[in-house]
Protein backbone atom coordinates (compact mmCIF):
# COMPACT_ATOMS: atom_id res chain seq x y z
CA UNK A 1 -21.82 -63.92 -68.70
CA UNK A 2 -18.07 -64.11 -67.80
CA UNK A 3 -16.18 -65.22 -64.72
CA UNK A 4 -12.72 -63.60 -64.30
CA UNK A 5 -9.75 -65.20 -62.53
CA UNK A 6 -10.78 -63.58 -59.16
CA UNK A 7 -14.19 -65.29 -59.38
CA UNK A 8 -15.94 -61.88 -60.22
CA UNK A 9 -18.98 -62.57 -62.47
CA UNK A 10 -19.51 -60.09 -65.36
CA UNK A 11 -22.92 -59.93 -66.86
CA UNK A 12 -23.76 -57.99 -69.95
CA UNK A 13 -26.95 -56.12 -70.11
CA UNK A 14 -29.04 -54.87 -73.01
CA UNK A 15 -29.22 -51.03 -72.86
CA UNK A 16 -27.99 -51.05 -69.22
CA UNK A 17 -24.19 -51.61 -69.35
CA UNK A 18 -23.06 -54.48 -67.17
CA UNK A 19 -23.20 -55.77 -63.69
CA UNK A 20 -20.57 -57.52 -61.51
CA UNK A 21 -21.74 -60.07 -59.09
CA UNK A 22 -19.57 -60.55 -55.95
CA UNK A 23 -20.23 -64.16 -54.72
CA UNK A 24 -18.59 -63.62 -51.37
CA UNK A 25 -20.86 -60.61 -50.62
CA UNK A 26 -23.91 -61.86 -52.44
CA UNK A 27 -24.01 -58.34 -54.00
CA UNK A 28 -24.40 -56.87 -57.48
CA UNK A 29 -22.74 -53.63 -58.74
CA UNK A 30 -23.99 -52.04 -62.01
CA UNK A 31 -22.14 -49.95 -64.56
CA UNK A 32 -23.67 -47.91 -67.37
CA UNK A 33 -22.95 -44.80 -69.40
CA UNK A 34 -25.13 -42.89 -66.92
CA UNK A 35 -23.37 -43.88 -63.68
CA UNK A 36 -19.91 -43.75 -65.08
CA UNK A 37 -20.24 -40.20 -66.42
CA UNK A 38 -20.18 -41.64 -69.95
CA UNK A 39 -16.72 -43.21 -69.40
CA UNK A 40 -18.29 -46.61 -70.46
CA UNK A 41 -18.77 -45.93 -74.20
CA UNK A 42 -22.03 -47.93 -74.69
CA UNK A 43 -24.72 -49.67 -72.80
CA UNK A 44 -25.30 -52.87 -74.91
CA UNK A 45 -22.54 -55.14 -73.72
CA UNK A 46 -22.12 -58.34 -75.77
CA UNK A 47 -18.91 -60.00 -74.47
CA UNK A 48 -15.99 -60.02 -71.99
CA UNK A 49 -12.49 -61.28 -72.00
CA UNK A 50 -9.77 -60.90 -69.33
CA UNK A 51 -6.34 -59.60 -70.47
CA UNK A 52 -3.07 -60.79 -69.07
CA UNK A 53 -2.73 -57.68 -66.96
CA UNK A 54 -6.17 -58.24 -65.33
CA UNK A 55 -8.02 -55.59 -67.36
CA UNK A 56 -11.39 -56.55 -68.85
CA UNK A 57 -12.02 -56.29 -72.69
CA UNK A 58 -15.70 -55.49 -73.25
CA UNK A 59 -17.39 -56.02 -76.60
CA UNK A 60 -20.10 -53.41 -77.21
CA UNK A 61 -22.85 -53.43 -79.79
CA UNK A 62 -21.84 -49.91 -80.79
CA UNK A 63 -18.56 -48.04 -80.16
CA UNK A 64 -16.45 -51.06 -80.56
CA UNK A 65 -14.33 -52.46 -77.76
CA UNK A 66 -13.69 -50.93 -74.32
CA UNK A 67 -10.91 -51.89 -72.00
CA UNK A 68 -11.89 -51.50 -68.27
CA UNK A 69 -8.95 -50.92 -66.01
CA UNK A 70 -10.29 -52.20 -62.71
CA UNK A 71 -7.64 -50.69 -60.50
CA UNK A 72 -8.05 -47.17 -61.95
CA UNK A 73 -11.84 -47.66 -62.68
CA UNK A 74 -11.19 -46.20 -66.17
CA UNK A 75 -12.36 -47.14 -69.73
CA UNK A 76 -10.49 -46.77 -72.99
CA UNK A 77 -12.17 -47.38 -76.46
CA UNK A 78 -10.33 -49.46 -79.03
CA UNK A 79 -11.11 -50.18 -82.72
CA UNK A 80 -8.96 -53.29 -82.95
CA UNK A 81 -7.01 -55.48 -80.53
CA UNK A 82 -4.70 -58.59 -80.87
CA UNK A 83 -4.61 -60.97 -77.82
CA UNK A 84 -1.77 -63.23 -76.68
CA UNK A 85 -3.24 -66.17 -78.66
CA UNK A 86 -3.09 -64.25 -81.90
CA UNK A 87 -6.80 -63.63 -82.18
CA UNK A 88 -7.86 -60.23 -83.63
CA UNK A 89 -10.80 -58.48 -81.88
CA UNK A 90 -12.55 -55.86 -84.02
CA UNK A 91 -15.09 -53.39 -82.96
CA UNK A 92 -17.30 -51.29 -85.19
């Protein structure tokens, strides 16, 4: 579970992608490989981290890391990533 700077709650799900919880609407929205036309590269989500530009880095059990561009509603897969703190994120 992760809360971004806009108070959007990100919940990783086992074999079902992830859900966002909008506190002000008391509403969930779910994302999976099925309902994103396979743009989300995996359904076992282990972790989240917000990047400086507002995109969300998603750690997956398989298929490595995905970057979710919220404005464009798109996903890109990465094999490795270095954040501003010098930490190296690796996906396998």
